[in-house]
Amino acid sequence: RGDSALASFSPRKAHLAVYLVGDFETKHASTLA
């Protein structure tokens, strides 16, 4: 168990990393498109 942020991101040098809920690629494919 643990705590984490509801929404978060990291402005990395190469890109912005936006942390989303697991399996978002499958469950939200139409939004990603």
Full PDB file with SEQRES, HELIX, SHEET, SSBOND, CRYST1, ORIGX, SCALE, CONECT and MASTER records, all heavy atoms in Angstrom:
SEQRES   1 A   33  ARG GLY ASP SER ALA LEU ALA SER PHE SER PRO ARG LYS          
SEQRES   2 A   33  ALA HIS LEU ALA VAL TYR LEU VAL GLY ASP PHE GLU THR          
SEQRES   3 A   33  LYS HIS ALA SER THR LEU ALA                                  
HELIX    1 AA1 PHE A   24  LYS A   27  1                                   4    
HELIX    2 AA2 ALA A   29  LEU A   32  1                                   4    
SHEET    1 AA1 2 SER A   8  PRO A  11  0                                        
SHEET    2 AA1 2 LEU A  16  TYR A  19 -1                                        
CRYST1    1.000    1.000    1.000  90.00  90.00  90.00 P 1           1          
ORIGX1      1.000000  0.000000  0.000000        0.00000                         
ORIGX2      0.000000  1.000000  0.000000        0.00000                         
ORIGX3      0.000000  0.000000  1.000000        0.00000                         
SCALE1      1.000000  0.000000  0.000000        0.00000                         
SCALE2      0.000000  1.000000  0.000000        0.00000                         
SCALE3      0.000000  0.000000  1.000000        0.00000                         
ATOM      1  N   ARG A   1       0.839  -1.195   0.000  1.00  0.00           N  
ATOM      2  CA  ARG A   1       0.000   0.000   0.000  1.00  0.00           C  
ATOM      3  C   ARG A   1       0.870   1.239   0.000  1.00  0.00           C  
ATOM      4  O   ARG A   1       2.010   1.205   0.410  1.00  0.00           O  
ATOM      5  CB  ARG A   1      -0.866   0.052   1.256  1.00  0.00           C  
ATOM      6  CG  ARG A   1      -1.846  -1.058   1.363  1.00  0.00           C  
ATOM      7  CD  ARG A   1      -2.510  -0.998   2.735  1.00  0.00           C  
ATOM      8  NE  ARG A   1      -3.288  -2.197   2.957  1.00  0.00           N  
ATOM      9  CZ  ARG A   1      -4.579  -2.201   3.214  1.00  0.00           C  
ATOM     10  NH1 ARG A   1      -5.231  -1.070   3.317  1.00  0.00           N  
ATOM     11  NH2 ARG A   1      -5.220  -3.321   3.384  1.00  0.00           N  
ATOM     12  N   GLY A   2       0.292   2.322  -0.451  1.00  0.00           N  
ATOM     13  CA  GLY A   2       1.020   3.578  -0.423  1.00  0.00           C  
ATOM     14  C   GLY A   2       0.149   4.729  -0.858  1.00  0.00           C  
ATOM     15  O   GLY A   2      -1.045   4.569  -1.097  1.00  0.00           O  
ATOM     16  N   ASP A   3       0.760   5.890  -0.943  1.00  0.00           N  
ATOM     17  CA  ASP A   3       0.099   7.100  -1.406  1.00  0.00           C  
ATOM     18  C   ASP A   3       0.761   7.565  -2.688  1.00  0.00           C  
ATOM     19  O   ASP A   3       1.963   7.373  -2.879  1.00  0.00           O  
ATOM     20  CB  ASP A   3       0.244   8.234  -0.380  1.00  0.00           C  
ATOM     21  CG  ASP A   3      -0.560   7.990   0.879  1.00  0.00           C  
ATOM     22  OD1 ASP A   3      -1.619   7.347   0.803  1.00  0.00           O  
ATOM     23  OD2 ASP A   3      -0.129   8.451   1.946  1.00  0.00           O  
ATOM     24  N   SER A   4      -0.021   8.184  -3.531  1.00  0.00           N  
ATOM     25  CA  SER A   4       0.504   8.783  -4.752  1.00  0.00           C  
ATOM     26  C   SER A   4      -0.381   9.971  -5.113  1.00  0.00           C  
ATOM     27  O   SER A   4      -1.420  10.185  -4.498  1.00  0.00           O  
ATOM     28  CB  SER A   4       0.519   7.759  -5.897  1.00  0.00           C  
ATOM     29  OG  SER A   4       1.267   8.258  -6.985  1.00  0.00           O  
ATOM     30  N   ALA A   5       0.058  10.725  -6.098  1.00  0.00           N  
ATOM     31  CA  ALA A   5      -0.712  11.882  -6.554  1.00  0.00           C  
ATOM     32  C   ALA A   5      -1.876  11.441  -7.428  1.00  0.00           C  
ATOM     33  O   ALA A   5      -1.750  10.482  -8.198  1.00  0.00           O  
ATOM     34  CB  ALA A   5       0.195  12.837  -7.326  1.00  0.00           C  
ATOM     35  N   LEU A   6      -2.996  12.149  -7.344  1.00  0.00           N  
ATOM     36  CA  LEU A   6      -4.142  11.872  -8.224  1.00  0.00           C  
ATOM     37  C   LEU A   6      -3.752  12.089  -9.685  1.00  0.00           C  
ATOM     38  O   LEU A   6      -4.119  11.318 -10.559  1.00  0.00           O  
ATOM     39  CB  LEU A   6      -5.304  12.811  -7.906  1.00  0.00           C  
ATOM     40  CG  LEU A   6      -6.156  12.508  -6.702  1.00  0.00           C  
ATOM     41  CD1 LEU A   6      -7.115  13.660  -6.444  1.00  0.00           C  
ATOM     42  CD2 LEU A   6      -6.912  11.215  -6.897  1.00  0.00           C  
ATOM     43  N   ALA A   7      -3.059  13.164  -9.937  1.00  0.00           N  
ATOM     44  CA  ALA A   7      -2.590  13.499 -11.284  1.00  0.00           C  
ATOM     45  C   ALA A   7      -1.166  14.020 -11.123  1.00  0.00           C  
ATOM     46  O   ALA A   7      -0.863  14.714 -10.149  1.00  0.00           O  
ATOM     47  CB  ALA A   7      -3.471  14.566 -11.921  1.00  0.00           C  
ATOM     48  N   SER A   8      -0.280  13.675 -12.061  1.00  0.00           N  
ATOM     49  CA  SER A   8       1.102  14.139 -11.944  1.00  0.00           C  
ATOM     50  C   SER A   8       1.800  14.076 -13.295  1.00  0.00           C  
ATOM     51  O   SER A   8       1.357  13.399 -14.221  1.00  0.00           O  
ATOM     52  CB  SER A   8       1.872  13.303 -10.918  1.00  0.00           C  
ATOM     53  OG  SER A   8       1.875  11.937 -11.262  1.00  0.00           O  
ATOM     54  N   PHE A   9       2.920  14.812 -13.353  1.00  0.00           N  
ATOM     55  CA  PHE A   9       3.751  14.807 -14.553  1.00  0.00           C  
ATOM     56  C   PHE A   9       5.164  15.209 -14.182  1.00  0.00           C  
ATOM     57  O   PHE A   9       5.412  15.736 -13.085  1.00  0.00           O  
ATOM     58  CB  PHE A   9       3.186  15.751 -15.617  1.00  0.00           C  
ATOM     59  CG  PHE A   9       3.407  17.210 -15.338  1.00  0.00           C  
ATOM     60  CD1 PHE A   9       4.486  17.886 -15.911  1.00  0.00           C  
ATOM     61  CD2 PHE A   9       2.556  17.917 -14.517  1.00  0.00           C  
ATOM     62  CE1 PHE A   9       4.689  19.232 -15.648  1.00  0.00           C  
ATOM     63  CE2 PHE A   9       2.752  19.255 -14.256  1.00  0.00           C  
ATOM     64  CZ  PHE A   9       3.832  19.925 -14.825  1.00  0.00           C  
ATOM     65  N   SER A  10       6.077  14.947 -15.096  1.00  0.00           N  
ATOM     66  CA  SER A  10       7.464  15.352 -14.930  1.00  0.00           C  
ATOM     67  C   SER A  10       7.943  15.996 -16.229  1.00  0.00           C  
ATOM     68  O   SER A  10       7.855  15.375 -17.289  1.00  0.00           O  
ATOM     69  CB  SER A  10       8.340  14.141 -14.594  1.00  0.00           C  
ATOM     70  OG  SER A  10       9.678  14.549 -14.399  1.00  0.00           O  
ATOM     71  N   PRO A  11       8.431  17.227 -16.155  1.00  0.00           N  
ATOM     72  CA  PRO A  11       8.950  17.894 -17.361  1.00  0.00           C  
ATOM     73  C   PRO A  11      10.392  17.469 -17.621  1.00  0.00           C  
ATOM     74  O   PRO A  11      11.338  18.149 -17.234  1.00  0.00           O  
ATOM     75  CB  PRO A  11       8.839  19.383 -16.998  1.00  0.00           C  
ATOM     76  CG  PRO A  11       8.944  19.417 -15.511  1.00  0.00           C  
ATOM     77  CD  PRO A  11       8.381  18.112 -15.005  1.00  0.00           C  
ATOM     78  N   ARG A  12      10.552  16.321 -18.233  1.00  0.00           N  
ATOM     79  CA  ARG A  12      11.889  15.790 -18.504  1.00  0.00           C  
ATOM     80  C   ARG A  12      12.524  16.502 -19.687  1.00  0.00           C  
ATOM     81  O   ARG A  12      11.852  17.188 -20.440  1.00  0.00           O  
ATOM     82  CB  ARG A  12      11.794  14.292 -18.785  1.00  0.00           C  
ATOM     83  CG  ARG A  12      11.258  13.516 -17.608  1.00  0.00           C  
ATOM     84  CD  ARG A  12      11.162  12.067 -17.949  1.00  0.00           C  
ATOM     85  NE  ARG A  12      10.602  11.297 -16.848  1.00  0.00           N  
ATOM     86  CZ  ARG A  12      10.248  10.035 -16.948  1.00  0.00           C  
ATOM     87  NH1 ARG A  12      10.392   9.396 -18.096  1.00  0.00           N  
ATOM     88  NH2 ARG A  12       9.754   9.413 -15.906  1.00  0.00           N  
ATOM     89  N   LYS A  13      13.812  16.307 -19.850  1.00  0.00           N  
ATOM     90  CA  LYS A  13      14.546  16.977 -20.921  1.00  0.00           C  
ATOM     91  C   LYS A  13      14.025  16.588 -22.313  1.00  0.00           C  
ATOM     92  O   LYS A  13      13.836  17.433 -23.173  1.00  0.00           O  
ATOM     93  CB  LYS A  13      16.034  16.642 -20.810  1.00  0.00           C  
ATOM     94  CG  LYS A  13      16.902  17.484 -21.704  1.00  0.00           C  
ATOM     95  CD  LYS A  13      18.373  17.253 -21.398  1.00  0.00           C  
ATOM     96  CE  LYS A  13      19.203  18.265 -22.096  1.00  0.00           C  
ATOM     97  NZ  LYS A  13      19.753  19.282 -21.224  1.00  0.00           N  
ATOM     98  N   ALA A  14      13.762  15.310 -22.527  1.00  0.00           N  
ATOM     99  CA  ALA A  14      13.346  14.827 -23.851  1.00  0.00           C  
ATOM    100  C   ALA A  14      11.849  14.943 -24.106  1.00  0.00           C  
ATOM    101  O   ALA A  14      11.423  14.979 -25.262  1.00  0.00           O  
ATOM    102  CB  ALA A  14      13.775  13.371 -24.033  1.00  0.00           C  
ATOM    103  N   HIS A  15      11.043  14.961 -23.047  1.00  0.00           N  
ATOM    104  CA  HIS A  15       9.591  14.974 -23.211  1.00  0.00           C  
ATOM    105  C   HIS A  15       8.915  15.286 -21.883  1.00  0.00           C  
ATOM    106  O   HIS A  15       9.560  15.290 -20.840  1.00  0.00           O  
ATOM    107  CB  HIS A  15       9.099  13.614 -23.728  1.00  0.00           C  
ATOM    108  CG  HIS A  15       9.607  12.476 -22.900  1.00  0.00           C  
ATOM    109  ND1 HIS A  15      10.589  11.637 -23.329  1.00  0.00           N  
ATOM    110  CD2 HIS A  15       9.300  12.075 -21.661  1.00  0.00           C  
ATOM    111  CE1 HIS A  15      10.855  10.755 -22.377  1.00  0.00           C  
ATOM    112  NE2 HIS A  15      10.101  10.998 -21.361  1.00  0.00           N  
ATOM    113  N   LEU A  16       7.626  15.498 -21.952  1.00  0.00           N  
ATOM    114  CA  LEU A  16       6.797  15.603 -20.756  1.00  0.00           C  
ATOM    115  C   LEU A  16       6.277  14.203 -20.455  1.00  0.00           C  
ATOM    116  O   LEU A  16       5.717  13.550 -21.345  1.00  0.00           O  
ATOM    117  CB  LEU A  16       5.608  16.529 -20.995  1.00  0.00           C  
ATOM    118  CG  LEU A  16       5.927  17.981 -21.301  1.00  0.00           C  
ATOM    119  CD1 LEU A  16       4.727  18.654 -21.967  1.00  0.00           C  
ATOM    120  CD2 LEU A  16       6.328  18.720 -20.039  1.00  0.00           C  
ATOM    121  N   ALA A  17       6.473  13.730 -19.258  1.00  0.00           N  
ATOM    122  CA  ALA A  17       5.940  12.434 -18.851  1.00  0.00           C  
ATOM    123  C   ALA A  17       4.700  12.695 -18.004  1.00  0.00           C  
ATOM    124  O   ALA A  17       4.790  13.297 -16.930  1.00  0.00           O  
ATOM    125  CB  ALA A  17       6.973  11.650 -18.058  1.00  0.00           C  
ATOM    126  N   VAL A  18       3.540  12.290 -18.508  1.00  0.00           N  
ATOM    127  CA  VAL A  18       2.276  12.457 -17.799  1.00  0.00           C  
ATOM    128  C   VAL A  18       1.905  11.084 -17.252  1.00  0.00           C  
ATOM    129  O   VAL A  18       1.807  10.111 -18.010  1.00  0.00           O  
ATOM    130  CB  VAL A  18       1.167  12.986 -18.740  1.00  0.00           C  
ATOM    131  CG1 VAL A  18      -0.146  13.142 -17.995  1.00  0.00           C  
ATOM    132  CG2 VAL A  18       1.598  14.305 -19.385  1.00  0.00           C  
ATOM    133  N   TYR A  19       1.723  11.007 -15.937  1.00  0.00           N  
ATOM    134  CA  TYR A  19       1.450   9.721 -15.293  1.00  0.00           C  
ATOM    135  C   TYR A  19      -0.048   9.485 -15.245  1.00  0.00           C  
ATOM    136  O   TYR A  19      -0.796  10.266 -14.660  1.00  0.00           O  
ATOM    137  CB  TYR A  19       2.080   9.688 -13.903  1.00  0.00           C  
ATOM    138  CG  TYR A  19       3.571   9.925 -13.988  1.00  0.00           C  
ATOM    139  CD1 TYR A  19       4.125  11.155 -13.657  1.00  0.00           C  
ATOM    140  CD2 TYR A  19       4.410   8.939 -14.480  1.00  0.00           C  
ATOM    141  CE1 TYR A  19       5.486  11.385 -13.779  1.00  0.00           C  
ATOM    142  CE2 TYR A  19       5.765   9.160 -14.612  1.00  0.00           C  
ATOM    143  CZ  TYR A  19       6.303  10.386 -14.256  1.00  0.00           C  
ATOM    144  OH  TYR A  19       7.647  10.608 -14.396  1.00  0.00           O  
ATOM    145  N   LEU A  20      -0.470   8.399 -15.890  1.00  0.00           N  
ATOM    146  CA  LEU A  20      -1.887   8.063 -15.993  1.00  0.00           C  
ATOM    147  C   LEU A  20      -2.150   6.715 -15.335  1.00  0.00           C  
ATOM    148  O   LEU A  20      -1.228   5.989 -14.969  1.00  0.00           O  
ATOM    149  CB  LEU A  20      -2.316   8.014 -17.461  1.00  0.00           C  
ATOM    150  CG  LEU A  20      -2.150   9.307 -18.254  1.00  0.00           C  
ATOM    151  CD1 LEU A  20      -2.459   9.073 -19.723  1.00  0.00           C  
ATOM    152  CD2 LEU A  20      -3.029  10.415 -17.679  1.00  0.00           C  
ATOM    153  N   VAL A  21      -3.401   6.376 -15.250  1.00  0.00           N  
ATOM    154  CA  VAL A  21      -3.806   5.095 -14.690  1.00  0.00           C  
ATOM    155  C   VAL A  21      -3.319   3.962 -15.600  1.00  0.00           C  
ATOM    156  O   VAL A  21      -3.225   4.118 -16.822  1.00  0.00           O  
ATOM    157  CB  VAL A  21      -5.346   5.070 -14.506  1.00  0.00           C  
ATOM    158  CG1 VAL A  21      -6.066   5.028 -15.821  1.00  0.00           C  
ATOM    159  CG2 VAL A  21      -5.780   3.955 -13.600  1.00  0.00           C  
ATOM    160  N   GLY A  22      -2.964   2.846 -15.015  1.00  0.00           N  
ATOM    161  CA  GLY A  22      -2.473   1.703 -15.780  1.00  0.00           C  
ATOM    162  C   GLY A  22      -3.449   1.229 -16.837  1.00  0.00           C  
ATOM    163  O   GLY A  22      -4.656   1.395 -16.704  1.00  0.00           O  
ATOM    164  N   ASP A  23      -2.922   0.684 -17.918  1.00  0.00           N  
ATOM    165  CA  ASP A  23      -3.698   0.110 -19.018  1.00  0.00           C  
ATOM    166  C   ASP A  23      -4.492   1.162 -19.795  1.00  0.00           C  
ATOM    167  O   ASP A  23      -5.459   0.851 -20.472  1.00  0.00           O  
ATOM    168  CB  ASP A  23      -4.626  -0.989 -18.499  1.00  0.00           C  
ATOM    169  CG  ASP A  23      -5.028  -1.982 -19.573  1.00  0.00           C  
ATOM    170  OD1 ASP A  23      -4.305  -2.086 -20.593  1.00  0.00           O  
ATOM    171  OD2 ASP A  23      -6.061  -2.650 -19.410  1.00  0.00           O  
ATOM    172  N   PHE A  24      -4.074   2.428 -19.699  1.00  0.00           N  
ATOM    173  CA  PHE A  24      -4.804   3.490 -20.401  1.00  0.00           C  
ATOM    174  C   PHE A  24      -4.747   3.310 -21.910  1.00  0.00           C  
ATOM    175  O   PHE A  24      -5.670   3.697 -22.607  1.00  0.00           O  
ATOM    176  CB  PHE A  24      -4.294   4.878 -19.993  1.00  0.00           C  
ATOM    177  CG  PHE A  24      -2.930   5.239 -20.517  1.00  0.00           C  
ATOM    178  CD1 PHE A  24      -2.782   5.898 -21.722  1.00  0.00           C  
ATOM    179  CD2 PHE A  24      -1.793   4.913 -19.792  1.00  0.00           C  
ATOM    180  CE1 PHE A  24      -1.533   6.238 -22.200  1.00  0.00           C  
ATOM    181  CE2 PHE A  24      -0.544   5.244 -20.254  1.00  0.00           C  
ATOM    182  CZ  PHE A  24      -0.408   5.901 -21.469  1.00  0.00           C  
ATOM    183  N   GLU A  25      -3.677   2.701 -22.426  1.00  0.00           N  
ATOM    184  CA  GLU A  25      -3.572   2.527 -23.883  1.00  0.00           C  
ATOM    185  C   GLU A  25      -4.689   1.646 -24.424  1.00  0.00           C  
ATOM    186  O   GLU A  25      -5.219   1.905 -25.495  1.00  0.00           O  
ATOM    187  CB  GLU A  25      -2.227   1.903 -24.246  1.00  0.00           C  
ATOM    188  CG  GLU A  25      -1.064   2.847 -24.093  1.00  0.00           C  
ATOM    189  CD  GLU A  25       0.224   2.181 -24.490  1.00  0.00           C  
ATOM    190  OE1 GLU A  25       0.769   1.427 -23.663  1.00  0.00           O  
ATOM    191  OE2 GLU A  25       0.656   2.406 -25.642  1.00  0.00           O  
ATOM    192  N   THR A  26      -5.053   0.627 -23.686  1.00  0.00           N  
ATOM    193  CA  THR A  26      -6.110  -0.291 -24.102  1.00  0.00           C  
ATOM    194  C   THR A  26      -7.491   0.290 -23.835  1.00  0.00           C  
ATOM    195  O   THR A  26      -8.348   0.306 -24.703  1.00  0.00           O  
ATOM    196  CB  THR A  26      -5.975  -1.632 -23.355  1.00  0.00           C  
ATOM    197  OG1 THR A  26      -4.672  -2.152 -23.595  1.00  0.00           O  
ATOM    198  CG2 THR A  26      -7.026  -2.624 -23.800  1.00  0.00           C  
ATOM    199  N   LYS A  27      -7.672   0.806 -22.639  1.00  0.00           N  
ATOM    200  CA  LYS A  27      -8.999   1.259 -22.226  1.00  0.00           C  
ATOM    201  C   LYS A  27      -9.405   2.590 -22.836  1.00  0.00           C  
ATOM    202  O   LYS A  27     -10.578   2.918 -22.858  1.00  0.00           O  
ATOM    203  CB  LYS A  27      -9.073   1.315 -20.712  1.00  0.00           C  
ATOM    204  CG  LYS A  27      -8.917  -0.070 -20.115  1.00  0.00           C  
ATOM    205  CD  LYS A  27      -9.156  -0.076 -18.650  1.00  0.00           C  
ATOM    206  CE  LYS A  27      -8.871  -1.460 -18.121  1.00  0.00           C  
ATOM    207  NZ  LYS A  27      -9.970  -2.141 -17.579  1.00  0.00           N  
ATOM    208  N   HIS A  28      -8.444   3.367 -23.305  1.00  0.00           N  
ATOM    209  CA  HIS A  28      -8.759   4.689 -23.847  1.00  0.00           C  
ATOM    210  C   HIS A  28      -8.141   4.893 -25.229  1.00  0.00           C  
ATOM    211  O   HIS A  28      -7.711   5.992 -25.572  1.00  0.00           O  
ATOM    212  CB  HIS A  28      -8.292   5.775 -22.872  1.00  0.00           C  
ATOM    213  CG  HIS A  28      -8.815   5.555 -21.487  1.00  0.00           C  
ATOM    214  ND1 HIS A  28     -10.155   5.547 -21.204  1.00  0.00           N  
ATOM    215  CD2 HIS A  28      -8.184   5.293 -20.335  1.00  0.00           C  
ATOM    216  CE1 HIS A  28     -10.324   5.293 -19.922  1.00  0.00           C  
ATOM    217  NE2 HIS A  28      -9.143   5.139 -19.375  1.00  0.00           N  
ATOM    218  N   ALA A  29      -8.152   3.843 -26.017  1.00  0.00           N  
ATOM    219  CA  ALA A  29      -7.546   3.894 -27.355  1.00  0.00           C  
ATOM    220  C   ALA A  29      -8.176   4.967 -28.238  1.00  0.00           C  
ATOM    221  O   ALA A  29      -7.467   5.656 -28.980  1.00  0.00           O  
ATOM    222  CB  ALA A  29      -7.640   2.523 -28.022  1.00  0.00           C  
ATOM    223  N   SER A  30      -9.480   5.156 -28.159  1.00  0.00           N  
ATOM    224  CA  SER A  30     -10.127   6.152 -29.018  1.00  0.00           C  
ATOM    225  C   SER A  30      -9.704   7.570 -28.621  1.00  0.00           C  
ATOM    226  O   SER A  30      -9.528   8.431 -29.482  1.00  0.00           O  
ATOM    227  CB  SER A  30     -11.648   6.009 -28.984  1.00  0.00           C  
ATOM    228  OG  SER A  30     -12.137   6.245 -27.680  1.00  0.00           O  
ATOM    229  N   THR A  31      -9.515   7.812 -27.337  1.00  0.00           N  
ATOM    230  CA  THR A  31      -9.045   9.127 -26.883  1.00  0.00           C  
ATOM    231  C   THR A  31      -7.595   9.332 -27.324  1.00  0.00           C  
ATOM    232  O   THR A  31      -7.229  10.412 -27.785  1.00  0.00           O  
ATOM    233  CB  THR A  31      -9.170   9.254 -25.357  1.00  0.00           C  
ATOM    234  OG1 THR A  31     -10.519   8.976 -24.982  1.00  0.00           O  
ATOM    235  CG2 THR A  31      -8.786  10.641 -24.888  1.00  0.00           C  
ATOM    236  N   LEU A  32      -6.779   8.304 -27.201  1.00  0.00           N  
ATOM    237  CA  LEU A  32      -5.382   8.400 -27.635  1.00  0.00           C  
ATOM    238  C   LEU A  32      -5.278   8.655 -29.133  1.00  0.00           C  
ATOM    239  O   LEU A  32      -4.381   9.372 -29.584  1.00  0.00           O  
ATOM    240  CB  LEU A  32      -4.618   7.134 -27.269  1.00  0.00           C  
ATOM    241  CG  LEU A  32      -4.232   7.015 -25.802  1.00  0.00           C  
ATOM    242  CD1 LEU A  32      -3.663   5.632 -25.517  1.00  0.00           C  
ATOM    243  CD2 LEU A  32      -3.255   8.089 -25.400  1.00  0.00           C  
ATOM    244  N   ALA A  33      -6.190   8.097 -29.905  1.00  0.00           N  
ATOM    245  CA  ALA A  33      -6.181   8.319 -31.354  1.00  0.00           C  
ATOM    246  C   ALA A  33      -6.424   9.790 -31.680  1.00  0.00           C  
ATOM    247  O   ALA A  33      -5.889  10.311 -32.663  1.00  0.00           O  
ATOM    248  CB  ALA A  33      -7.241   7.440 -32.024  1.00  0.00           C  
TER     249      ALA A  33                                                      
MASTER        0    0    0    2    2    0    0    6  248    1    0    3          
END                                                                             
